[in-house]
Structures are given as C-alpha cells and as structure tokens.
Amino acid sequence: AIGQHAGIDQFDLTGDTARLIAKAEADNEAHLIRLG
C-alpha cells in the first residue's frame, strides 16, 4: 500500500525510504513523520 500510494515498486521501497530519511535528517520512519 505504501508503494502503491507513492507510485514506487514495493521492492524499491526500502532504498527510497532510506534516502528520504537521510535527506529529511530523520533518525527513522517515526521521526520522519514528526519532521513531516
């Protein structure tokens, strides 16, 4: 569902999420939401 919403193949999701976390300067996905 995350991949479909974002238009990303679910198998690319881990890498794309890791890049977003790094770019946002977040520590993890929960912190990413706070920073969002």
Full PDB file with SEQRES, HELIX, SHEET, SSBOND, CRYST1, ORIGX, SCALE, CONECT and MASTER records, all heavy atoms in Angstrom:
SEQRES   1 A   36  ALA ILE GLY GLN HIS ALA GLY ILE ASP GLN PHE ASP LEU          
SEQRES   2 A   36  THR GLY ASP THR ALA ARG LEU ILE ALA LYS ALA GLU ALA          
SEQRES   3 A   36  ASP ASN GLU ALA HIS LEU ILE ARG LEU GLY                      
HELIX    1 AA1 ILE A    2  ALA A    6  1                                   5    
HELIX    2 AA2 LEU A   13  ALA A   24  1                                  12    
HELIX    3 AA3 GLU A   29  LEU A   35  1                                   7    
CRYST1    1.000    1.000    1.000  90.00  90.00  90.00 P 1           1          
ORIGX1      1.000000  0.000000  0.000000        0.00000                         
ORIGX2      0.000000  1.000000  0.000000        0.00000                         
ORIGX3      0.000000  0.000000  1.000000        0.00000                         
SCALE1      1.000000  0.000000  0.000000        0.00000                         
SCALE2      0.000000  1.000000  0.000000        0.00000                         
SCALE3      0.000000  0.000000  1.000000        0.00000                         
ATOM      1  N   ALA A   1       0.832  -1.216   0.000  1.00  0.00           N  
ATOM      2  CA  ALA A   1       0.000   0.000   0.000  1.00  0.00           C  
ATOM      3  C   ALA A   1       0.860   1.256   0.000  1.00  0.00           C  
ATOM      4  O   ALA A   1       0.528   2.242  -0.661  1.00  0.00           O  
ATOM      5  CB  ALA A   1      -0.939  -0.004   1.205  1.00  0.00           C  
ATOM      6  N   ILE A   2       1.971   1.225   0.738  1.00  0.00           N  
ATOM      7  CA  ILE A   2       2.887   2.372   0.745  1.00  0.00           C  
ATOM      8  C   ILE A   2       3.439   2.593  -0.660  1.00  0.00           C  
ATOM      9  O   ILE A   2       3.426   3.708  -1.180  1.00  0.00           O  
ATOM     10  CB  ILE A   2       4.024   2.159   1.766  1.00  0.00           C  
ATOM     11  CG1 ILE A   2       3.469   2.168   3.190  1.00  0.00           C  
ATOM     12  CG2 ILE A   2       5.122   3.222   1.601  1.00  0.00           C  
ATOM     13  CD1 ILE A   2       4.447   1.707   4.254  1.00  0.00           C  
ATOM     14  N   GLY A   3       3.904   1.519  -1.274  1.00  0.00           N  
ATOM     15  CA  GLY A   3       4.445   1.617  -2.627  1.00  0.00           C  
ATOM     16  C   GLY A   3       3.419   2.097  -3.627  1.00  0.00           C  
ATOM     17  O   GLY A   3       3.703   2.964  -4.458  1.00  0.00           O  
ATOM     18  N   GLN A   4       2.204   1.560  -3.539  1.00  0.00           N  
ATOM     19  CA  GLN A   4       1.144   1.965  -4.472  1.00  0.00           C  
ATOM     20  C   GLN A   4       0.816   3.450  -4.306  1.00  0.00           C  
ATOM     21  O   GLN A   4       0.697   4.174  -5.293  1.00  0.00           O  
ATOM     22  CB  GLN A   4      -0.098   1.114  -4.254  1.00  0.00           C  
ATOM     23  CG  GLN A   4      -1.213   1.425  -5.231  1.00  0.00           C  
ATOM     24  CD  GLN A   4      -2.420   0.529  -5.030  1.00  0.00           C  
ATOM     25  OE1 GLN A   4      -2.600  -0.081  -3.987  1.00  0.00           O  
ATOM     26  NE2 GLN A   4      -3.259   0.452  -6.048  1.00  0.00           N  
ATOM     27  N   HIS A   5       0.684   3.910  -3.071  1.00  0.00           N  
ATOM     28  CA  HIS A   5       0.375   5.318  -2.801  1.00  0.00           C  
ATOM     29  C   HIS A   5       1.451   6.235  -3.379  1.00  0.00           C  
ATOM     30  O   HIS A   5       1.146   7.282  -3.943  1.00  0.00           O  
ATOM     31  CB  HIS A   5       0.248   5.527  -1.291  1.00  0.00           C  
ATOM     32  CG  HIS A   5      -0.120   6.921  -0.893  1.00  0.00           C  
ATOM     33  ND1 HIS A   5      -1.335   7.211  -0.332  1.00  0.00           N  
ATOM     34  CD2 HIS A   5       0.548   8.099  -0.960  1.00  0.00           C  
ATOM     35  CE1 HIS A   5      -1.399   8.512  -0.074  1.00  0.00           C  
ATOM     36  NE2 HIS A   5      -0.262   9.065  -0.439  1.00  0.00           N  
ATOM     37  N   ALA A   6       2.706   5.810  -3.238  1.00  0.00           N  
ATOM     38  CA  ALA A   6       3.832   6.641  -3.669  1.00  0.00           C  
ATOM     39  C   ALA A   6       4.233   6.402  -5.121  1.00  0.00           C  
ATOM     40  O   ALA A   6       5.102   7.098  -5.644  1.00  0.00           O  
ATOM     41  CB  ALA A   6       5.030   6.395  -2.760  1.00  0.00           C  
ATOM     42  N   GLY A   7       3.609   5.425  -5.758  1.00  0.00           N  
ATOM     43  CA  GLY A   7       3.971   5.108  -7.138  1.00  0.00           C  
ATOM     44  C   GLY A   7       5.358   4.486  -7.243  1.00  0.00           C  
ATOM     45  O   GLY A   7       6.087   4.726  -8.209  1.00  0.00           O  
ATOM     46  N   ILE A   8       5.713   3.682  -6.237  1.00  0.00           N  
ATOM     47  CA  ILE A   8       7.029   3.046  -6.170  1.00  0.00           C  
ATOM     48  C   ILE A   8       6.826   1.544  -6.069  1.00  0.00           C  
ATOM     49  O   ILE A   8       5.973   1.080  -5.310  1.00  0.00           O  
ATOM     50  CB  ILE A   8       7.809   3.528  -4.918  1.00  0.00           C  
ATOM     51  CG1 ILE A   8       8.068   5.029  -4.996  1.00  0.00           C  
ATOM     52  CG2 ILE A   8       9.107   2.767  -4.735  1.00  0.00           C  
ATOM     53  CD1 ILE A   8       8.606   5.612  -3.699  1.00  0.00           C  
ATOM     54  N   ASP A   9       7.608   0.778  -6.798  1.00  0.00           N  
ATOM     55  CA  ASP A   9       7.575  -0.671  -6.661  1.00  0.00           C  
ATOM     56  C   ASP A   9       7.932  -1.020  -5.220  1.00  0.00           C  
ATOM     57  O   ASP A   9       8.904  -0.498  -4.675  1.00  0.00           O  
ATOM     58  CB  ASP A   9       8.584  -1.298  -7.631  1.00  0.00           C  
ATOM     59  CG  ASP A   9       8.500  -2.807  -7.636  1.00  0.00           C  
ATOM     60  OD1 ASP A   9       8.870  -3.413  -6.602  1.00  0.00           O  
ATOM     61  OD2 ASP A   9       8.074  -3.380  -8.654  1.00  0.00           O  
ATOM     62  N   GLN A  10       7.142  -1.899  -4.602  1.00  0.00           N  
ATOM     63  CA  GLN A  10       7.381  -2.211  -3.187  1.00  0.00           C  
ATOM     64  C   GLN A  10       8.775  -2.774  -2.942  1.00  0.00           C  
ATOM     65  O   GLN A  10       9.294  -2.697  -1.839  1.00  0.00           O  
ATOM     66  CB  GLN A  10       6.302  -3.134  -2.633  1.00  0.00           C  
ATOM     67  CG  GLN A  10       6.359  -4.557  -3.127  1.00  0.00           C  
ATOM     68  CD  GLN A  10       5.248  -5.413  -2.526  1.00  0.00           C  
ATOM     69  OE1 GLN A  10       4.305  -4.913  -1.940  1.00  0.00           O  
ATOM     70  NE2 GLN A  10       5.362  -6.703  -2.693  1.00  0.00           N  
ATOM     71  N   PHE A  11       9.401  -3.328  -3.975  1.00  0.00           N  
ATOM     72  CA  PHE A  11      10.747  -3.868  -3.807  1.00  0.00           C  
ATOM     73  C   PHE A  11      11.813  -2.777  -3.822  1.00  0.00           C  
ATOM     74  O   PHE A  11      12.946  -3.011  -3.433  1.00  0.00           O  
ATOM     75  CB  PHE A  11      11.017  -4.943  -4.866  1.00  0.00           C  
ATOM     76  CG  PHE A  11      10.048  -6.087  -4.756  1.00  0.00           C  
ATOM     77  CD1 PHE A  11       9.022  -6.238  -5.673  1.00  0.00           C  
ATOM     78  CD2 PHE A  11      10.127  -6.982  -3.699  1.00  0.00           C  
ATOM     79  CE1 PHE A  11       8.110  -7.275  -5.551  1.00  0.00           C  
ATOM     80  CE2 PHE A  11       9.216  -8.022  -3.567  1.00  0.00           C  
ATOM     81  CZ  PHE A  11       8.207  -8.172  -4.508  1.00  0.00           C  
ATOM     82  N   ASP A  12      11.448  -1.569  -4.261  1.00  0.00           N  
ATOM     83  CA  ASP A  12      12.352  -0.414  -4.225  1.00  0.00           C  
ATOM     84  C   ASP A  12      12.107   0.446  -2.986  1.00  0.00           C  
ATOM     85  O   ASP A  12      12.820   1.412  -2.736  1.00  0.00           O  
ATOM     86  CB  ASP A  12      12.156   0.471  -5.471  1.00  0.00           C  
ATOM     87  CG  ASP A  12      12.537  -0.237  -6.757  1.00  0.00           C  
ATOM     88  OD1 ASP A  12      13.412  -1.123  -6.703  1.00  0.00           O  
ATOM     89  OD2 ASP A  12      11.957   0.095  -7.805  1.00  0.00           O  
ATOM     90  N   LEU A  13      11.097   0.079  -2.227  1.00  0.00           N  
ATOM     91  CA  LEU A  13      10.643   0.890  -1.102  1.00  0.00           C  
ATOM     92  C   LEU A  13      11.712   1.097  -0.039  1.00  0.00           C  
ATOM     93  O   LEU A  13      11.890   2.210   0.458  1.00  0.00           O  
ATOM     94  CB  LEU A  13       9.405   0.241  -0.491  1.00  0.00           C  
ATOM     95  CG  LEU A  13       8.548   1.074   0.420  1.00  0.00           C  
ATOM     96  CD1 LEU A  13       8.085   2.348  -0.267  1.00  0.00           C  
ATOM     97  CD2 LEU A  13       7.340   0.255   0.865  1.00  0.00           C  
ATOM     98  N   THR A  14      12.452   0.063   0.308  1.00  0.00           N  
ATOM     99  CA  THR A  14      13.456   0.175   1.371  1.00  0.00           C  
ATOM    100  C   THR A  14      14.514   1.206   1.015  1.00  0.00           C  
ATOM    101  O   THR A  14      14.837   2.076   1.827  1.00  0.00           O  
ATOM    102  CB  THR A  14      14.106  -1.196   1.645  1.00  0.00           C  
ATOM    103  OG1 THR A  14      13.079  -2.113   2.026  1.00  0.00           O  
ATOM    104  CG2 THR A  14      15.140  -1.112   2.751  1.00  0.00           C  
ATOM    105  N   GLY A  15      15.034   1.144  -0.189  1.00  0.00           N  
ATOM    106  CA  GLY A  15      16.061   2.100  -0.612  1.00  0.00           C  
ATOM    107  C   GLY A  15      15.535   3.517  -0.716  1.00  0.00           C  
ATOM    108  O   GLY A  15      16.174   4.468  -0.255  1.00  0.00           O  
ATOM    109  N   ASP A  16      14.342   3.668  -1.301  1.00  0.00           N  
ATOM    110  CA  ASP A  16      13.752   5.002  -1.441  1.00  0.00           C  
ATOM    111  C   ASP A  16      13.439   5.604  -0.068  1.00  0.00           C  
ATOM    112  O   ASP A  16      13.648   6.792   0.159  1.00  0.00           O  
ATOM    113  CB  ASP A  16      12.482   4.946  -2.291  1.00  0.00           C  
ATOM    114  CG  ASP A  16      12.766   4.738  -3.771  1.00  0.00           C  
ATOM    115  OD1 ASP A  16      13.956   4.742  -4.165  1.00  0.00           O  
ATOM    116  OD2 ASP A  16      11.807   4.562  -4.533  1.00  0.00           O  
ATOM    117  N   THR A  17      12.956   4.762   0.853  1.00  0.00           N  
ATOM    118  CA  THR A  17      12.662   5.247   2.202  1.00  0.00           C  
ATOM    119  C   THR A  17      13.945   5.648   2.912  1.00  0.00           C  
ATOM    120  O   THR A  17      13.989   6.703   3.572  1.00  0.00           O  
ATOM    121  CB  THR A  17      11.902   4.171   3.004  1.00  0.00           C  
ATOM    122  OG1 THR A  17      10.646   3.914   2.352  1.00  0.00           O  
ATOM    123  CG2 THR A  17      11.636   4.628   4.431  1.00  0.00           C  
ATOM    124  N   ALA A  18      14.991   4.853   2.787  1.00  0.00           N  
ATOM    125  CA  ALA A  18      16.277   5.181   3.424  1.00  0.00           C  
ATOM    126  C   ALA A  18      16.819   6.509   2.898  1.00  0.00           C  
ATOM    127  O   ALA A  18      17.326   7.332   3.679  1.00  0.00           O  
ATOM    128  CB  ALA A  18      17.288   4.062   3.199  1.00  0.00           C  
ATOM    129  N   ARG A  19      16.695   6.744   1.596  1.00  0.00           N  
ATOM    130  CA  ARG A  19      17.155   8.020   1.025  1.00  0.00           C  
ATOM    131  C   ARG A  19      16.325   9.193   1.546  1.00  0.00           C  
ATOM    132  O   ARG A  19      16.869  10.251   1.856  1.00  0.00           O  
ATOM    133  CB  ARG A  19      17.130   7.956  -0.504  1.00  0.00           C  
ATOM    134  CG  ARG A  19      18.298   7.145  -1.084  1.00  0.00           C  
ATOM    135  CD  ARG A  19      18.348   7.185  -2.605  1.00  0.00           C  
ATOM    136  NE  ARG A  19      17.285   6.423  -3.240  1.00  0.00           N  
ATOM    137  CZ  ARG A  19      17.286   5.088  -3.372  1.00  0.00           C  
ATOM    138  NH1 ARG A  19      18.306   4.379  -2.912  1.00  0.00           N  
ATOM    139  NH2 ARG A  19      16.290   4.478  -3.974  1.00  0.00           N  
ATOM    140  N   LEU A  20      15.018   9.000   1.665  1.00  0.00           N  
ATOM    141  CA  LEU A  20      14.154  10.065   2.184  1.00  0.00           C  
ATOM    142  C   LEU A  20      14.493  10.359   3.650  1.00  0.00           C  
ATOM    143  O   LEU A  20      14.585  11.520   4.044  1.00  0.00           O  
ATOM    144  CB  LEU A  20      12.680   9.684   2.040  1.00  0.00           C  
ATOM    145  CG  LEU A  20      11.672  10.696   2.592  1.00  0.00           C  
ATOM    146  CD1 LEU A  20      11.830  12.059   1.924  1.00  0.00           C  
ATOM    147  CD2 LEU A  20      10.252  10.168   2.447  1.00  0.00           C  
ATOM    148  N   ILE A  21      14.694   9.329   4.444  1.00  0.00           N  
ATOM    149  CA  ILE A  21      15.055   9.515   5.856  1.00  0.00           C  
ATOM    150  C   ILE A  21      16.349  10.313   5.964  1.00  0.00           C  
ATOM    151  O   ILE A  21      16.442  11.250   6.755  1.00  0.00           O  
ATOM    152  CB  ILE A  21      15.142   8.152   6.583  1.00  0.00           C  
ATOM    153  CG1 ILE A  21      13.727   7.589   6.789  1.00  0.00           C  
ATOM    154  CG2 ILE A  21      15.888   8.267   7.903  1.00  0.00           C  
ATOM    155  CD1 ILE A  21      13.696   6.152   7.290  1.00  0.00           C  
ATOM    156  N   ALA A  22      17.335   9.959   5.158  1.00  0.00           N  
ATOM    157  CA  ALA A  22      18.619  10.666   5.188  1.00  0.00           C  
ATOM    158  C   ALA A  22      18.449  12.125   4.745  1.00  0.00           C  
ATOM    159  O   ALA A  22      18.969  13.043   5.392  1.00  0.00           O  
ATOM    160  CB  ALA A  22      19.638   9.953   4.304  1.00  0.00           C  
ATOM    161  N   LYS A  23      17.716  12.345   3.666  1.00  0.00           N  
ATOM    162  CA  LYS A  23      17.526  13.708   3.142  1.00  0.00           C  
ATOM    163  C   LYS A  23      16.757  14.581   4.136  1.00  0.00           C  
ATOM    164  O   LYS A  23      17.064  15.772   4.289  1.00  0.00           O  
ATOM    165  CB  LYS A  23      16.774  13.646   1.805  1.00  0.00           C  
ATOM    166  CG  LYS A  23      16.625  14.988   1.111  1.00  0.00           C  
ATOM    167  CD  LYS A  23      15.992  14.801  -0.259  1.00  0.00           C  
ATOM    168  CE  LYS A  23      15.772  16.135  -0.953  1.00  0.00           C  
ATOM    169  NZ  LYS A  23      15.190  15.955  -2.308  1.00  0.00           N  
ATOM    170  N   ALA A  24      15.794  13.988   4.843  1.00  0.00           N  
ATOM    171  CA  ALA A  24      14.987  14.735   5.812  1.00  0.00           C  
ATOM    172  C   ALA A  24      15.712  14.922   7.143  1.00  0.00           C  
ATOM    173  O   ALA A  24      15.223  15.641   8.004  1.00  0.00           O  
ATOM    174  CB  ALA A  24      13.665  14.012   6.049  1.00  0.00           C  
ATOM    175  N   GLU A  25      16.858  14.259   7.280  1.00  0.00           N  
ATOM    176  CA  GLU A  25      17.640  14.289   8.525  1.00  0.00           C  
ATOM    177  C   GLU A  25      16.865  13.669   9.687  1.00  0.00           C  
ATOM    178  O   GLU A  25      16.914  14.130  10.825  1.00  0.00           O  
ATOM    179  CB  GLU A  25      18.113  15.712   8.840  1.00  0.00           C  
ATOM    180  CG  GLU A  25      19.002  16.274   7.749  1.00  0.00           C  
ATOM    181  CD  GLU A  25      19.456  17.703   7.983  1.00  0.00           C  
ATOM    182  OE1 GLU A  25      19.030  18.344   8.968  1.00  0.00           O  
ATOM    183  OE2 GLU A  25      20.277  18.181   7.172  1.00  0.00           O  
ATOM    184  N   ALA A  26      16.144  12.595   9.371  1.00  0.00           N  
ATOM    185  CA  ALA A  26      15.383  11.848  10.373  1.00  0.00           C  
ATOM    186  C   ALA A  26      16.210  10.670  10.875  1.00  0.00           C  
ATOM    187  O   ALA A  26      17.121  10.205  10.191  1.00  0.00           O  
ATOM    188  CB  ALA A  26      14.071  11.350   9.771  1.00  0.00           C  
ATOM    189  N   ASP A  27      15.871  10.199  12.055  1.00  0.00           N  
ATOM    190  CA  ASP A  27      16.560   9.041  12.622  1.00  0.00           C  
ATOM    191  C   ASP A  27      15.916   7.729  12.201  1.00  0.00           C  
ATOM    192  O   ASP A  27      16.579   6.698  12.182  1.00  0.00           O  
ATOM    193  CB  ASP A  27      16.587   9.139  14.149  1.00  0.00           C  
ATOM    194  CG  ASP A  27      17.439  10.297  14.630  1.00  0.00           C  
ATOM    195  OD1 ASP A  27      18.458  10.598  13.986  1.00  0.00           O  
ATOM    196  OD2 ASP A  27      17.078  10.900  15.657  1.00  0.00           O  
ATOM    197  N   ASN A  28      14.619   7.753  11.900  1.00  0.00           N  
ATOM    198  CA  ASN A  28      13.894   6.554  11.485  1.00  0.00           C  
ATOM    199  C   ASN A  28      12.533   6.998  10.931  1.00  0.00           C  
ATOM    200  O   ASN A  28      12.272   8.200  10.821  1.00  0.00           O  
ATOM    201  CB  ASN A  28      13.740   5.561  12.652  1.00  0.00           C  
ATOM    202  CG  ASN A  28      13.121   6.186  13.886  1.00  0.00           C  
ATOM    203  OD1 ASN A  28      12.246   7.043  13.789  1.00  0.00           O  
ATOM    204  ND2 ASN A  28      13.567   5.757  15.057  1.00  0.00           N  
ATOM    205  N   GLU A  29      11.675   6.036  10.598  1.00  0.00           N  
ATOM    206  CA  GLU A  29      10.385   6.372   9.985  1.00  0.00           C  
ATOM    207  C   GLU A  29       9.464   7.141  10.929  1.00  0.00           C  
ATOM    208  O   GLU A  29       8.733   8.038  10.499  1.00  0.00           O  
ATOM    209  CB  GLU A  29       9.688   5.106   9.491  1.00  0.00           C  
ATOM    210  CG  GLU A  29      10.375   4.476   8.299  1.00  0.00           C  
ATOM    211  CD  GLU A  29       9.749   3.162   7.886  1.00  0.00           C  
ATOM    212  OE1 GLU A  29       8.549   2.939   8.161  1.00  0.00           O  
ATOM    213  OE2 GLU A  29      10.456   2.344   7.287  1.00  0.00           O  
ATOM    214  N   ALA A  30       9.469   6.803  12.218  1.00  0.00           N  
ATOM    215  CA  ALA A  30       8.618   7.531  13.170  1.00  0.00           C  
ATOM    216  C   ALA A  30       9.057   8.991  13.273  1.00  0.00           C  
ATOM    217  O   ALA A  30       8.230   9.904  13.277  1.00  0.00           O  
ATOM    218  CB  ALA A  30       8.660   6.850  14.542  1.00  0.00           C  
ATOM    219  N   HIS A  31      10.363   9.206  13.320  1.00  0.00           N  
ATOM    220  CA  HIS A  31      10.901  10.572  13.373  1.00  0.00           C  
ATOM    221  C   HIS A  31      10.594  11.310  12.066  1.00  0.00           C  
ATOM    222  O   HIS A  31      10.340  12.515  12.064  1.00  0.00           O  
ATOM    223  CB  HIS A  31      12.411  10.503  13.644  1.00  0.00           C  
ATOM    224  CG  HIS A  31      13.032  11.809  13.968  1.00  0.00           C  
ATOM    225  ND1 HIS A  31      14.310  12.119  13.578  1.00  0.00           N  
ATOM    226  CD2 HIS A  31      12.574  12.896  14.634  1.00  0.00           C  
ATOM    227  CE1 HIS A  31      14.602  13.335  13.999  1.00  0.00           C  
ATOM    228  NE2 HIS A  31      13.574  13.830  14.636  1.00  0.00           N  
ATOM    229  N   LEU A  32      10.606  10.572  10.968  1.00  0.00           N  
ATOM    230  CA  LEU A  32      10.261  11.148   9.663  1.00  0.00           C  
ATOM    231  C   LEU A  32       8.855  11.762   9.699  1.00  0.00           C  
ATOM    232  O   LEU A  32       8.637  12.850   9.160  1.00  0.00           O  
ATOM    233  CB  LEU A  32      10.346  10.068   8.581  1.00  0.00           C  
ATOM    234  CG  LEU A  32      10.110  10.501   7.142  1.00  0.00           C  
ATOM    235  CD1 LEU A  32      11.251  11.376   6.642  1.00  0.00           C  
ATOM    236  CD2 LEU A  32       9.942   9.281   6.245  1.00  0.00           C  
ATOM    237  N   ILE A  33       7.928  11.084  10.358  1.00  0.00           N  
ATOM    238  CA  ILE A  33       6.559  11.601  10.441  1.00  0.00           C  
ATOM    239  C   ILE A  33       6.535  12.900  11.245  1.00  0.00           C  
ATOM    240  O   ILE A  33       5.910  13.880  10.854  1.00  0.00           O  
ATOM    241  CB  ILE A  33       5.605  10.552  11.046  1.00  0.00           C  
ATOM    242  CG1 ILE A  33       5.610   9.252  10.224  1.00  0.00           C  
ATOM    243  CG2 ILE A  33       4.197  11.119  11.192  1.00  0.00           C  
ATOM    244  CD1 ILE A  33       5.357   9.428   8.734  1.00  0.00           C  
ATOM    245  N   ARG A  34       7.240  12.927  12.370  1.00  0.00           N  
ATOM    246  CA  ARG A  34       7.310  14.158  13.180  1.00  0.00           C  
ATOM    247  C   ARG A  34       7.885  15.302  12.348  1.00  0.00           C  
ATOM    248  O   ARG A  34       7.345  16.406  12.329  1.00  0.00           O  
ATOM    249  CB  ARG A  34       8.160  13.915  14.422  1.00  0.00           C  
ATOM    250  CG  ARG A  34       8.280  15.151  15.288  1.00  0.00           C  
ATOM    251  CD  ARG A  34       9.188  14.917  16.497  1.00  0.00           C  
ATOM    252  NE  ARG A  34       9.146  16.044  17.376  1.00  0.00           N  
ATOM    253  CZ  ARG A  34       8.263  16.233  18.353  1.00  0.00           C  
ATOM    254  NH1 ARG A  34       7.339  15.332  18.585  1.00  0.00           N  
ATOM    255  NH2 ARG A  34       8.293  17.313  19.092  1.00  0.00           N  
ATOM    256  N   LEU A  35       8.985  15.028  11.648  1.00  0.00           N  
ATOM    257  CA  LEU A  35       9.612  16.069  10.825  1.00  0.00           C  
ATOM    258  C   LEU A  35       8.704  16.477   9.665  1.00  0.00           C  
ATOM    259  O   LEU A  35       8.707  17.640   9.263  1.00  0.00           O  
ATOM    260  CB  LEU A  35      10.979  15.603  10.320  1.00  0.00           C  
ATOM    261  CG  LEU A  35      12.057  15.482  11.393  1.00  0.00           C  
ATOM    262  CD1 LEU A  35      13.338  14.888  10.803  1.00  0.00           C  
ATOM    263  CD2 LEU A  35      12.333  16.822  12.058  1.00  0.00           C  
ATOM    264  N   GLY A  36       7.920  15.542   9.159  1.00  0.00           N  
ATOM    265  CA  GLY A  36       6.957  15.886   8.105  1.00  0.00           C  
ATOM    266  C   GLY A  36       5.983  16.957   8.566  1.00  0.00           C  
ATOM    267  O   GLY A  36       5.618  17.847   7.801  1.00  0.00           O  
TER     268      GLY A  36                                                      
MASTER        0    0    0    3    0    0    0    6  267    1    0    3          
END                                                                             
